[in-house]
Amino acid sequence: MRCRDQHRILTLMPEPRISSFPPLLGERPRLLILGSMPGVASLQAQQYYAHPRNAFWPILCRWCGIAAELPYRQRVEALLQAGIAVWDVLVHCQRPGSLDSAIDRQSAQPNAIAELLQVQPSITRICFNGAAAADLYRRHRLPAAPPLQLIRLPSTSPAHAGMALAEKTRQWHQALAG
């Protein structure tokens, strides 16, 4: 088989399905942060926001008053103690690489967010980590009824480099204080 034929066969094969993680959830969260789907670095590390240039942990750790360099488990505990839960809008999808724009919308399956909100009525605010998460949430017609407040925040992804970290931090902290 010639190289060109092998390449053609490989490009016709669908991307493998990827899956999100279980939610990070404390006893009585007041706020839920929703991303779209973990990127490659996060999937490999099996940790939310594991890419070293993602601003999620620096922004949230500053809010919690802890060092972003602490081990993952300690950072997660700080979020949970602050009443912050973390999950993704999607449970499964096909996506080459890490970019939200590469998510195959036909393959996207939402997480059971409505069910989570039913068993966690203390959650009154959802903050979306970027436009893609907010758009996917709306596209799948997930809950939006009061008293649920929905806030789209700038993506913490290194791919969203058009906004300075200081401005991202300001907007995120304002929403967290809400």
C-alpha atoms as a PDB file:
ATOM      1  CA  MET A   1       0.000   0.000   0.000  1.00  0.00           C
ATOM      2  CA  ARG A   2       1.350   3.402  -0.946  1.00  0.00           C
ATOM      3  CA  CYS A   3       1.817   6.090   1.700  1.00  0.00           C
ATOM      4  CA  ARG A   4      -0.844   8.303   0.086  1.00  0.00           C
ATOM      5  CA  ASP A   5      -3.406   5.462   0.318  1.00  0.00           C
ATOM      6  CA  GLN A   6      -2.538   4.816   3.963  1.00  0.00           C
ATOM      7  CA  HIS A   7      -2.992   8.517   4.729  1.00  0.00           C
ATOM      8  CA  ARG A   8      -6.371   8.555   2.963  1.00  0.00           C
ATOM      9  CA  ILE A   9      -7.546   5.545   4.999  1.00  0.00           C
ATOM     10  CA  LEU A  10      -6.352   7.098   8.254  1.00  0.00           C
ATOM     11  CA  THR A  11      -8.104  10.403   7.578  1.00  0.00           C
ATOM     12  CA  LEU A  12     -11.415   8.623   6.918  1.00  0.00           C
ATOM     13  CA  MET A  13     -11.344   6.885  10.287  1.00  0.00           C
ATOM     14  CA  PRO A  14     -13.331   8.758  12.942  1.00  0.00           C
ATOM     15  CA  GLU A  15     -11.552  10.215  15.917  1.00  0.00           C
ATOM     16  CA  PRO A  16     -11.767   8.017  19.009  1.00  0.00           C
ATOM     17  CA  ARG A  17     -14.437   8.959  21.532  1.00  0.00           C
ATOM     18  CA  ILE A  18     -13.110  10.780  24.581  1.00  0.00           C
ATOM     19  CA  SER A  19     -14.793  11.034  27.949  1.00  0.00           C
ATOM     20  CA  SER A  20     -14.930  13.606  30.708  1.00  0.00           C
ATOM     21  CA  PHE A  21     -14.214  12.987  34.384  1.00  0.00           C
ATOM     22  CA  PRO A  22     -16.628  12.657  37.295  1.00  0.00           C
ATOM     23  CA  PRO A  23     -17.496  16.001  38.894  1.00  0.00           C
ATOM     24  CA  LEU A  24     -15.402  17.535  41.651  1.00  0.00           C
ATOM     25  CA  LEU A  25     -18.146  17.923  44.200  1.00  0.00           C
ATOM     26  CA  GLY A  26     -18.170  18.826  47.878  1.00  0.00           C
ATOM     27  CA  GLU A  27     -21.012  18.524  50.365  1.00  0.00           C
ATOM     28  CA  ARG A  28     -22.873  21.778  49.669  1.00  0.00           C
ATOM     29  CA  PRO A  29     -21.464  23.532  46.615  1.00  0.00           C
ATOM     30  CA  ARG A  30     -22.884  26.950  45.834  1.00  0.00           C
ATOM     31  CA  LEU A  31     -21.303  27.335  42.424  1.00  0.00           C
ATOM     32  CA  LEU A  32     -20.616  24.964  39.520  1.00  0.00           C
ATOM     33  CA  ILE A  33     -17.862  25.674  37.001  1.00  0.00           C
ATOM     34  CA  LEU A  34     -18.484  23.942  33.684  1.00  0.00           C
ATOM     35  CA  GLY A  35     -15.878  23.448  30.999  1.00  0.00           C
ATOM     36  CA  SER A  36     -16.567  21.808  27.654  1.00  0.00           C
ATOM     37  CA  MET A  37     -14.355  18.675  27.622  1.00  0.00           C
ATOM     38  CA  PRO A  38     -10.879  18.049  29.090  1.00  0.00           C
ATOM     39  CA  GLY A  39      -7.969  18.683  26.754  1.00  0.00           C
ATOM     40  CA  VAL A  40      -5.266  16.188  25.852  1.00  0.00           C
ATOM     41  CA  ALA A  41      -2.976  17.129  28.781  1.00  0.00           C
ATOM     42  CA  SER A  42      -5.846  16.779  31.251  1.00  0.00           C
ATOM     43  CA  LEU A  43      -6.952  13.448  29.798  1.00  0.00           C
ATOM     44  CA  GLN A  44      -3.395  12.132  30.025  1.00  0.00           C
ATOM     45  CA  ALA A  45      -2.964  13.348  33.614  1.00  0.00           C
ATOM     46  CA  GLN A  46      -6.551  12.426  34.591  1.00  0.00           C
ATOM     47  CA  GLN A  47      -6.857  15.856  36.218  1.00  0.00           C
ATOM     48  CA  TYR A  48      -8.991  18.872  35.453  1.00  0.00           C
ATOM     49  CA  TYR A  49      -7.063  21.725  33.777  1.00  0.00           C
ATOM     50  CA  ALA A  50      -3.693  19.956  33.741  1.00  0.00           C
ATOM     51  CA  HIS A  51      -2.126  21.920  30.878  1.00  0.00           C
ATOM     52  CA  PRO A  52       0.716  23.914  32.483  1.00  0.00           C
ATOM     53  CA  ARG A  53      -0.288  27.150  30.690  1.00  0.00           C
ATOM     54  CA  ASN A  54      -4.001  26.907  31.527  1.00  0.00           C
ATOM     55  CA  ALA A  55      -4.903  29.785  33.844  1.00  0.00           C
ATOM     56  CA  PHE A  56      -7.633  27.867  35.707  1.00  0.00           C
ATOM     57  CA  TRP A  57      -5.557  26.828  38.718  1.00  0.00           C
ATOM     58  CA  PRO A  58      -3.650  30.131  39.093  1.00  0.00           C
ATOM     59  CA  ILE A  59      -6.962  32.052  39.026  1.00  0.00           C
ATOM     60  CA  LEU A  60      -8.890  29.711  41.334  1.00  0.00           C
ATOM     61  CA  CYS A  61      -6.021  29.120  43.754  1.00  0.00           C
ATOM     62  CA  ARG A  62      -5.560  32.862  44.133  1.00  0.00           C
ATOM     63  CA  TRP A  63      -9.288  33.107  44.937  1.00  0.00           C
ATOM     64  CA  CYS A  64      -8.927  30.345  47.539  1.00  0.00           C
ATOM     65  CA  GLY A  65      -5.759  31.870  49.001  1.00  0.00           C
ATOM     66  CA  ILE A  66      -3.486  28.914  48.254  1.00  0.00           C
ATOM     67  CA  ALA A  67      -0.454  28.340  46.047  1.00  0.00           C
ATOM     68  CA  ALA A  68      -1.173  27.078  42.530  1.00  0.00           C
ATOM     69  CA  GLU A  69       1.891  24.837  42.841  1.00  0.00           C
ATOM     70  CA  LEU A  70       0.303  22.670  45.527  1.00  0.00           C
ATOM     71  CA  PRO A  71      -0.466  19.058  44.613  1.00  0.00           C
ATOM     72  CA  TYR A  72      -3.672  18.513  42.634  1.00  0.00           C
ATOM     73  CA  ARG A  73      -5.543  16.911  45.545  1.00  0.00           C
ATOM     74  CA  GLN A  74      -4.885  19.946  47.787  1.00  0.00           C
ATOM     75  CA  ARG A  75      -6.044  22.359  45.080  1.00  0.00           C
ATOM     76  CA  VAL A  76      -9.222  20.318  44.617  1.00  0.00           C
ATOM     77  CA  GLU A  77      -9.852  20.313  48.380  1.00  0.00           C
ATOM     78  CA  ALA A  78      -9.490  24.107  48.490  1.00  0.00           C
ATOM     79  CA  LEU A  79     -12.128  24.457  45.754  1.00  0.00           C
ATOM     80  CA  LEU A  80     -14.507  22.116  47.523  1.00  0.00           C
ATOM     81  CA  GLN A  81     -14.029  23.975  50.820  1.00  0.00           C
ATOM     82  CA  ALA A  82     -14.857  27.218  48.994  1.00  0.00           C
ATOM     83  CA  GLY A  83     -18.156  25.716  47.777  1.00  0.00           C
ATOM     84  CA  ILE A  84     -17.001  25.357  44.173  1.00  0.00           C
ATOM     85  CA  ALA A  85     -17.820  22.286  42.083  1.00  0.00           C
ATOM     86  CA  VAL A  86     -16.202  21.513  38.712  1.00  0.00           C
ATOM     87  CA  TRP A  87     -17.477  19.440  35.803  1.00  0.00           C
ATOM     88  CA  ASP A  88     -17.836  19.509  32.030  1.00  0.00           C
ATOM     89  CA  VAL A  89     -20.888  20.065  29.850  1.00  0.00           C
ATOM     90  CA  LEU A  90     -20.032  16.978  27.800  1.00  0.00           C
ATOM     91  CA  VAL A  91     -19.549  13.425  28.996  1.00  0.00           C
ATOM     92  CA  HIS A  92     -18.411  12.097  25.581  1.00  0.00           C
ATOM     93  CA  CYS A  93     -17.420  13.454  22.199  1.00  0.00           C
ATOM     94  CA  GLN A  94     -15.015  13.006  19.346  1.00  0.00           C
ATOM     95  CA  ARG A  95     -12.339  15.668  19.039  1.00  0.00           C
ATOM     96  CA  PRO A  96      -8.880  15.640  17.501  1.00  0.00           C
ATOM     97  CA  GLY A  97      -6.516  17.529  19.804  1.00  0.00           C
ATOM     98  CA  SER A  98      -7.667  19.907  22.523  1.00  0.00           C
ATOM     99  CA  LEU A  99      -9.442  22.785  20.787  1.00  0.00           C
ATOM    100  CA  ASP A 100     -13.135  23.253  21.561  1.00  0.00           C
ATOM    101  CA  SER A 101     -13.669  24.268  17.943  1.00  0.00           C
ATOM    102  CA  ALA A 102     -12.613  20.739  16.906  1.00  0.00           C
ATOM    103  CA  ILE A 103     -15.380  19.001  18.891  1.00  0.00           C
ATOM    104  CA  ASP A 104     -17.552  16.984  16.523  1.00  0.00           C
ATOM    105  CA  ARG A 105     -20.964  18.402  17.495  1.00  0.00           C
ATOM    106  CA  GLN A 106     -22.760  15.282  16.184  1.00  0.00           C
ATOM    107  CA  SER A 107     -20.845  13.103  18.656  1.00  0.00           C
ATOM    108  CA  ALA A 108     -21.305  15.424  21.650  1.00  0.00           C
ATOM    109  CA  GLN A 109     -23.260  13.898  24.536  1.00  0.00           C
ATOM    110  CA  PRO A 110     -24.078  16.050  27.570  1.00  0.00           C
ATOM    111  CA  ASN A 111     -23.401  15.145  31.168  1.00  0.00           C
ATOM    112  CA  ALA A 112     -26.326  14.639  33.561  1.00  0.00           C
ATOM    113  CA  ILE A 113     -26.238  18.243  34.750  1.00  0.00           C
ATOM    114  CA  ALA A 114     -29.990  18.472  35.418  1.00  0.00           C
ATOM    115  CA  GLU A 115     -29.734  15.444  37.690  1.00  0.00           C
ATOM    116  CA  LEU A 116     -26.719  16.914  39.490  1.00  0.00           C
ATOM    117  CA  LEU A 117     -28.625  20.137  40.121  1.00  0.00           C
ATOM    118  CA  GLN A 118     -31.559  18.175  41.537  1.00  0.00           C
ATOM    119  CA  VAL A 119     -29.401  16.381  44.095  1.00  0.00           C
ATOM    120  CA  GLN A 120     -27.350  19.528  44.800  1.00  0.00           C
ATOM    121  CA  PRO A 121     -29.959  22.305  45.220  1.00  0.00           C
ATOM    122  CA  SER A 122     -27.330  24.433  46.977  1.00  0.00           C
ATOM    123  CA  ILE A 123     -25.876  25.243  43.514  1.00  0.00           C
ATOM    124  CA  THR A 124     -27.365  28.582  42.475  1.00  0.00           C
ATOM    125  CA  ARG A 125     -24.776  29.743  39.952  1.00  0.00           C
ATOM    126  CA  ILE A 126     -23.089  28.132  36.964  1.00  0.00           C
ATOM    127  CA  CYS A 127     -19.936  29.718  35.574  1.00  0.00           C
ATOM    128  CA  PHE A 128     -18.915  28.598  32.105  1.00  0.00           C
ATOM    129  CA  ASN A 129     -15.218  28.358  31.366  1.00  0.00           C
ATOM    130  CA  GLY A 130     -15.417  29.979  27.939  1.00  0.00           C
ATOM    131  CA  ALA A 131     -17.891  30.474  25.123  1.00  0.00           C
ATOM    132  CA  ALA A 132     -17.790  26.850  23.934  1.00  0.00           C
ATOM    133  CA  ALA A 133     -18.985  25.519  27.296  1.00  0.00           C
ATOM    134  CA  ALA A 134     -21.830  28.072  27.394  1.00  0.00           C
ATOM    135  CA  ASP A 135     -22.807  27.316  23.784  1.00  0.00           C
ATOM    136  CA  LEU A 136     -22.799  23.549  24.341  1.00  0.00           C
ATOM    137  CA  TYR A 137     -24.926  24.019  27.464  1.00  0.00           C
ATOM    138  CA  ARG A 138     -27.505  26.023  25.495  1.00  0.00           C
ATOM    139  CA  ARG A 139     -27.357  23.683  22.496  1.00  0.00           C
ATOM    140  CA  HIS A 140     -28.260  20.703  24.674  1.00  0.00           C
ATOM    141  CA  ARG A 141     -31.046  22.691  26.381  1.00  0.00           C
ATOM    142  CA  LEU A 142     -29.737  22.136  29.859  1.00  0.00           C
ATOM    143  CA  PRO A 143     -31.348  23.803  32.917  1.00  0.00           C
ATOM    144  CA  ALA A 144     -31.587  27.577  33.042  1.00  0.00           C
ATOM    145  CA  ALA A 145     -34.552  28.187  35.347  1.00  0.00           C
ATOM    146  CA  PRO A 146     -34.262  30.607  38.267  1.00  0.00           C
ATOM    147  CA  PRO A 147     -32.778  30.739  40.786  1.00  0.00           C
ATOM    148  CA  LEU A 148     -29.933  29.422  38.649  1.00  0.00           C
ATOM    149  CA  GLN A 149     -27.629  32.221  37.513  1.00  0.00           C
ATOM    150  CA  LEU A 150     -25.624  31.491  34.342  1.00  0.00           C
ATOM    151  CA  ILE A 151     -22.363  33.397  33.776  1.00  0.00           C
ATOM    152  CA  ARG A 152     -20.074  33.013  30.754  1.00  0.00           C
ATOM    153  CA  LEU A 153     -16.476  33.741  31.680  1.00  0.00           C
ATOM    154  CA  PRO A 154     -13.377  34.063  29.516  1.00  0.00           C
ATOM    155  CA  SER A 155     -11.740  30.730  28.807  1.00  0.00           C
ATOM    156  CA  THR A 156      -8.734  29.889  30.954  1.00  0.00           C
ATOM    157  CA  SER A 157      -7.281  27.888  28.052  1.00  0.00           C
ATOM    158  CA  PRO A 158      -3.881  28.892  26.686  1.00  0.00           C
ATOM    159  CA  ALA A 159      -5.607  28.987  23.279  1.00  0.00           C
ATOM    160  CA  HIS A 160      -7.523  32.064  24.513  1.00  0.00           C
ATOM    161  CA  ALA A 161      -4.487  34.325  24.720  1.00  0.00           C
ATOM    162  CA  GLY A 162      -6.270  37.480  23.555  1.00  0.00           C
ATOM    163  CA  MET A 163      -7.016  38.569  27.122  1.00  0.00           C
ATOM    164  CA  ALA A 164      -4.416  39.294  29.782  1.00  0.00           C
ATOM    165  CA  LEU A 165      -4.303  37.043  32.845  1.00  0.00           C
ATOM    166  CA  ALA A 166      -5.030  40.030  35.100  1.00  0.00           C
ATOM    167  CA  GLU A 167      -8.303  40.729  33.257  1.00  0.00           C
ATOM    168  CA  LYS A 168      -9.306  37.069  33.247  1.00  0.00           C
ATOM    169  CA  THR A 169      -8.602  36.924  36.966  1.00  0.00           C
ATOM    170  CA  ARG A 170     -10.677  40.065  37.608  1.00  0.00           C
ATOM    171  CA  GLN A 171     -13.677  38.702  35.708  1.00  0.00           C
ATOM    172  CA  TRP A 172     -13.447  35.265  37.305  1.00  0.00           C
ATOM    173  CA  HIS A 173     -13.089  36.652  40.834  1.00  0.00           C
ATOM    174  CA  GLN A 174     -16.047  38.996  40.293  1.00  0.00           C
ATOM    175  CA  ALA A 175     -18.207  36.033  39.227  1.00  0.00           C
ATOM    176  CA  LEU A 176     -16.999  33.867  42.104  1.00  0.00           C
ATOM    177  CA  ALA A 177     -17.862  36.600  44.599  1.00  0.00           C
ATOM    178  CA  GLY A 178     -21.259  37.156  42.912  1.00  0.00           C
END
